[in-house]
C-alpha atoms as a PDB file:
ATOM      1  CA  MET A   1       0.000   0.000   0.000  1.00  0.00           C
ATOM      2  CA  ALA A   2       2.891   2.388   0.651  1.00  0.00           C
ATOM      3  CA  ASP A   3       3.757   2.353  -3.063  1.00  0.00           C
ATOM      4  CA  ILE A   4       0.297   3.491  -4.122  1.00  0.00           C
ATOM      5  CA  ILE A   5       0.327   6.285  -1.525  1.00  0.00           C
ATOM      6  CA  GLU A   6       3.698   7.461  -2.811  1.00  0.00           C
ATOM      7  CA  LEU A   7       2.293   7.407  -6.355  1.00  0.00           C
ATOM      8  CA  ALA A   8      -0.587   9.600  -5.158  1.00  0.00           C
ATOM      9  CA  ARG A   9       1.893  12.020  -3.591  1.00  0.00           C
ATOM     10  CA  ALA A  10       3.926  12.050  -6.821  1.00  0.00           C
ATOM     11  CA  LEU A  11       0.734  12.777  -8.751  1.00  0.00           C
ATOM     12  CA  GLY A  12       0.020  15.651  -6.349  1.00  0.00           C
ATOM     13  CA  ARG A  13       3.504  17.084  -6.896  1.00  0.00           C
ATOM     14  CA  GLN A  14       3.110  16.771 -10.673  1.00  0.00           C
ATOM     15  CA  LEU A  15      -0.319  18.392 -10.530  1.00  0.00           C
ATOM     16  CA  GLN A  16       1.179  21.403  -8.756  1.00  0.00           C
ATOM     17  CA  GLN A  17       3.641  21.784 -11.635  1.00  0.00           C
ATOM     18  CA  GLU A  18       0.884  21.996 -14.260  1.00  0.00           C
ATOM     19  CA  GLU A  19       0.472  25.375 -15.950  1.00  0.00           C
ATOM     20  CA  ALA A  20      -3.258  25.393 -15.185  1.00  0.00           C
ATOM     21  CA  TYR A  21      -2.583  24.845 -11.466  1.00  0.00           C
ATOM     22  CA  ILE A  22       0.082  27.553 -11.337  1.00  0.00           C
ATOM     23  CA  ARG A  23      -2.222  30.000 -13.154  1.00  0.00           C
ATOM     24  CA  TYR A  24      -5.075  29.109 -10.791  1.00  0.00           C
ATOM     25  CA  SER A  25      -2.886  29.497  -7.708  1.00  0.00           C
ATOM     26  CA  LEU A  26      -1.578  32.896  -8.817  1.00  0.00           C
ATOM     27  CA  ALA A  27      -5.065  34.111  -9.770  1.00  0.00           C
ATOM     28  CA  LYS A  28      -6.413  32.989  -6.372  1.00  0.00           C
ATOM     29  CA  GLN A  29      -3.632  34.824  -4.587  1.00  0.00           C
ATOM     30  CA  ALA A  30      -4.262  37.981  -6.622  1.00  0.00           C
ATOM     31  CA  ALA A  31      -7.989  37.841  -5.860  1.00  0.00           C
ATOM     32  CA  ASP A  32      -7.312  37.197  -2.163  1.00  0.00           C
ATOM     33  CA  GLU A  33      -4.977  40.206  -2.029  1.00  0.00           C
ATOM     34  CA  ASP A  34      -7.373  42.560  -3.863  1.00  0.00           C
ATOM     35  CA  GLU A  35      -8.687  44.670  -0.984  1.00  0.00           C
ATOM     36  CA  GLU A  36     -11.573  46.155  -2.987  1.00  0.00           C
ATOM     37  CA  LEU A  37     -12.693  42.708  -4.139  1.00  0.00           C
ATOM     38  CA  GLN A  38     -12.504  41.321  -0.605  1.00  0.00           C
ATOM     39  CA  LYS A  39     -14.502  44.293   0.671  1.00  0.00           C
ATOM     40  CA  LEU A  40     -17.212  43.587  -1.936  1.00  0.00           C
ATOM     41  CA  ILE A  41     -17.257  39.881  -1.023  1.00  0.00           C
ATOM     42  CA  ASN A  42     -17.625  40.733   2.677  1.00  0.00           C
ATOM     43  CA  GLU A  43     -20.425  43.206   1.923  1.00  0.00           C
ATOM     44  CA  PHE A  44     -22.149  40.562  -0.195  1.00  0.00           C
ATOM     45  CA  GLY A  45     -21.950  38.100   2.714  1.00  0.00           C
ATOM     46  CA  SER A  46     -23.348  40.666   5.147  1.00  0.00           C
ATOM     47  CA  VAL A  47     -26.279  41.502   2.881  1.00  0.00           C
ATOM     48  CA  ARG A  48     -26.956  37.787   2.315  1.00  0.00           C
ATOM     49  CA  ASN A  49     -27.009  37.280   6.099  1.00  0.00           C
ATOM     50  CA  GLU A  50     -29.410  40.217   6.521  1.00  0.00           C
ATOM     51  CA  ILE A  51     -31.713  38.673   3.917  1.00  0.00           C
ATOM     52  CA  SER A  52     -31.553  35.337   5.693  1.00  0.00           C
ATOM     53  CA  LEU A  53     -32.389  36.922   9.041  1.00  0.00           C
ATOM     54  CA  GLU A  54     -35.275  38.912   7.603  1.00  0.00           C
ATOM     55  CA  THR A  55     -36.752  36.006   5.635  1.00  0.00           C
ATOM     56  CA  SER A  56     -36.513  33.656   8.627  1.00  0.00           C
ATOM     57  CA  LYS A  57     -38.876  35.901  10.590  1.00  0.00           C
ATOM     58  CA  PRO A  58     -42.541  34.930  10.783  1.00  0.00           C
ATOM     59  CA  GLU A  59     -44.411  36.330   7.783  1.00  0.00           C
ATOM     60  CA  GLU A  60     -46.306  38.891   9.839  1.00  0.00           C
ATOM     61  CA  GLU A  61     -43.013  40.328  11.189  1.00  0.00           C
ATOM     62  CA  ARG A  62     -41.111  40.214   7.894  1.00  0.00           C
ATOM     63  CA  ASP A  63     -40.392  43.508   6.121  1.00  0.00           C
ATOM     64  CA  SER A  64     -40.966  42.613   2.451  1.00  0.00           C
ATOM     65  CA  ALA A  65     -39.773  46.010   1.232  1.00  0.00           C
ATOM     66  CA  LYS A  66     -36.516  45.507   3.121  1.00  0.00           C
ATOM     67  CA  VAL A  67     -36.059  42.055   1.567  1.00  0.00           C
ATOM     68  CA  ILE A  68     -36.641  43.485  -1.917  1.00  0.00           C
ATOM     69  CA  SER A  69     -34.150  46.277  -1.254  1.00  0.00           C
ATOM     70  CA  LEU A  70     -31.562  43.890   0.155  1.00  0.00           C
ATOM     71  CA  ASN A  71     -31.971  41.550  -2.824  1.00  0.00           C
ATOM     72  CA  LYS A  72     -31.385  44.485  -5.149  1.00  0.00           C
ATOM     73  CA  ASP A  73     -28.259  45.453  -3.188  1.00  0.00           C
ATOM     74  CA  MET A  74     -27.032  41.868  -3.269  1.00  0.00           C
ATOM     75  CA  ARG A  75     -27.475  41.630  -7.057  1.00  0.00           C
ATOM     76  CA  LYS A  76     -25.509  44.870  -7.517  1.00  0.00           C
ATOM     77  CA  LEU A  77     -22.697  43.613  -5.288  1.00  0.00           C
ATOM     78  CA  TYR A  78     -22.644  40.282  -7.123  1.00  0.00           C
ATOM     79  CA  ALA A  79     -22.347  42.062 -10.471  1.00  0.00           C
ATOM     80  CA  LYS A  80     -19.458  44.159  -9.162  1.00  0.00           C
ATOM     81  CA  ILE A  81     -17.717  41.070  -7.807  1.00  0.00           C
ATOM     82  CA  MET A  82     -18.119  39.085 -10.995  1.00  0.00           C
ATOM     83  CA  THR A  83     -16.903  41.923 -13.228  1.00  0.00           C
ATOM     84  CA  ASN A  84     -13.802  42.538 -11.119  1.00  0.00           C
ATOM     85  CA  GLU A  85     -10.809  41.711 -13.339  1.00  0.00           C
ATOM     86  CA  ARG A  86      -9.084  39.612 -10.676  1.00  0.00           C
ATOM     87  CA  MET A  87     -12.282  37.670 -10.006  1.00  0.00           C
ATOM     88  CA  MET A  88     -12.748  37.047 -13.731  1.00  0.00           C
ATOM     89  CA  ASN A  89      -9.133  35.845 -14.013  1.00  0.00           C
ATOM     90  CA  TYR A  90      -9.641  33.617 -10.971  1.00  0.00           C
ATOM     91  CA  ASN A  91     -12.841  32.096 -12.382  1.00  0.00           C
ATOM     92  CA  ASP A  92     -11.234  31.446 -15.773  1.00  0.00           C
ATOM     93  CA  ALA A  93      -8.153  29.861 -14.191  1.00  0.00           C
ATOM     94  CA  LYS A  94     -10.282  27.773 -11.824  1.00  0.00           C
ATOM     95  CA  ASP A  95     -12.433  26.523 -14.701  1.00  0.00           C
ATOM     96  CA  ASP A  96      -9.319  25.451 -16.628  1.00  0.00           C
ATOM     97  CA  PHE A  97      -7.836  23.718 -13.594  1.00  0.00           C
ATOM     98  CA  ASP A  98     -11.140  22.034 -12.718  1.00  0.00           C
ATOM     99  CA  ILE A  99     -11.219  20.372 -16.141  1.00  0.00           C
ATOM    100  CA  ILE A 100      -7.823  18.771 -15.508  1.00  0.00           C
ATOM    101  CA  PHE A 101      -8.774  17.776 -11.968  1.00  0.00           C
ATOM    102  CA  LYS A 102     -12.081  16.249 -13.099  1.00  0.00           C
ATOM    103  CA  ARG A 103     -10.242  14.271 -15.743  1.00  0.00           C
ATOM    104  CA  ILE A 104      -7.724  12.896 -13.220  1.00  0.00           C
ATOM    105  CA  THR A 105     -10.495  12.052 -10.766  1.00  0.00           C
ATOM    106  CA  ALA A 106     -12.584  10.341 -13.450  1.00  0.00           C
ATOM    107  CA  ILE A 107      -9.649   8.205 -14.603  1.00  0.00           C
ATOM    108  CA  ILE A 108      -8.852   7.099 -11.041  1.00  0.00           C
ATOM    109  CA  GLN A 109     -12.516   6.424 -10.278  1.00  0.00           C
ATOM    110  CA  GLN A 110     -13.014   4.405 -13.454  1.00  0.00           C
ATOM    111  CA  CYS A 111      -9.867   2.382 -12.784  1.00  0.00           C
ATOM    112  CA  SER A 112     -11.123   1.643  -9.257  1.00  0.00           C
ATOM    113  CA  GLN A 113     -14.183   0.115 -10.951  1.00  0.00           C
ATOM    114  CA  GLY A 114     -12.083  -2.113 -13.203  1.00  0.00           C
ATOM    115  CA  GLU A 115     -11.808   0.029 -16.333  1.00  0.00           C
ATOM    116  CA  ASP A 116      -8.680  -0.136 -18.482  1.00  0.00           C
ATOM    117  CA  PRO A 117      -6.212   2.545 -17.251  1.00  0.00           C
ATOM    118  CA  ASP A 118      -5.066   3.139 -20.824  1.00  0.00           C
ATOM    119  CA  THR A 119      -8.534   4.063 -22.064  1.00  0.00           C
ATOM    120  CA  ALA A 120     -10.289   5.433 -18.974  1.00  0.00           C
ATOM    121  CA  ASP A 121     -10.963   9.155 -19.350  1.00  0.00           C
ATOM    122  CA  TYR A 122     -13.269  12.016 -18.480  1.00  0.00           C
ATOM    123  CA  THR A 123     -16.259  12.697 -20.666  1.00  0.00           C
ATOM    124  CA  PRO A 124     -17.659  16.149 -19.890  1.00  0.00           C
ATOM    125  CA  SER A 125     -21.398  16.529 -19.951  1.00  0.00           C
ATOM    126  CA  CYS A 126     -22.768  19.558 -21.730  1.00  0.00           C
ATOM    127  CA  THR A 127     -23.940  22.342 -19.434  1.00  0.00           C
ATOM    128  CA  GLY A 128     -24.965  24.590 -22.284  1.00  0.00           C
ATOM    129  CA  SER A 129     -22.180  27.035 -21.479  1.00  0.00           C
ATOM    130  CA  CYS A 130     -19.564  26.985 -24.204  1.00  0.00           C
ATOM    131  CA  GLY A 131     -17.324  29.343 -22.227  1.00  0.00           C
ATOM    132  CA  THR A 132     -16.074  26.598 -19.893  1.00  0.00           C
ATOM    133  CA  CYS A 133     -16.346  23.662 -22.251  1.00  0.00           C
ATOM    134  CA  GLY A 134     -13.478  21.581 -23.616  1.00  0.00           C
ATOM    135  CA  GLY A 135     -15.430  21.285 -26.820  1.00  0.00           C
ATOM    136  CA  CYS A 136     -18.181  19.257 -28.402  1.00  0.00           C
ATOM    137  CA  GLY A 137     -16.402  18.990 -31.679  1.00  0.00           C
END
């Protein structure tokens, strides 16, 4: 068993050398260090918590106008977060890395179920979003 664990560790080291992983790691660090982005994310979380608190109140105590206003604020914050350049870079890098990781995971899973290691592979299912797809053809 020690050999297979060492192979897993070697795979982990190799994974961390992949361009997609390095790009993802750097993009995550840049997003984490972006003070404005982190401020927006924290505000988003606070507004989401306020919505949760308000909507968990009994209906007769709930302030529907406040919920509508908070939802509007939350949508604005979300749009600002998702259009932040560092967040966009992070999302793109994460999507690219996730494809590699899903492929590795699928191969290992299929092999654990008896599939041929030389032919086992990941077959993405179509989500309808071509932006993150490896391609239909």
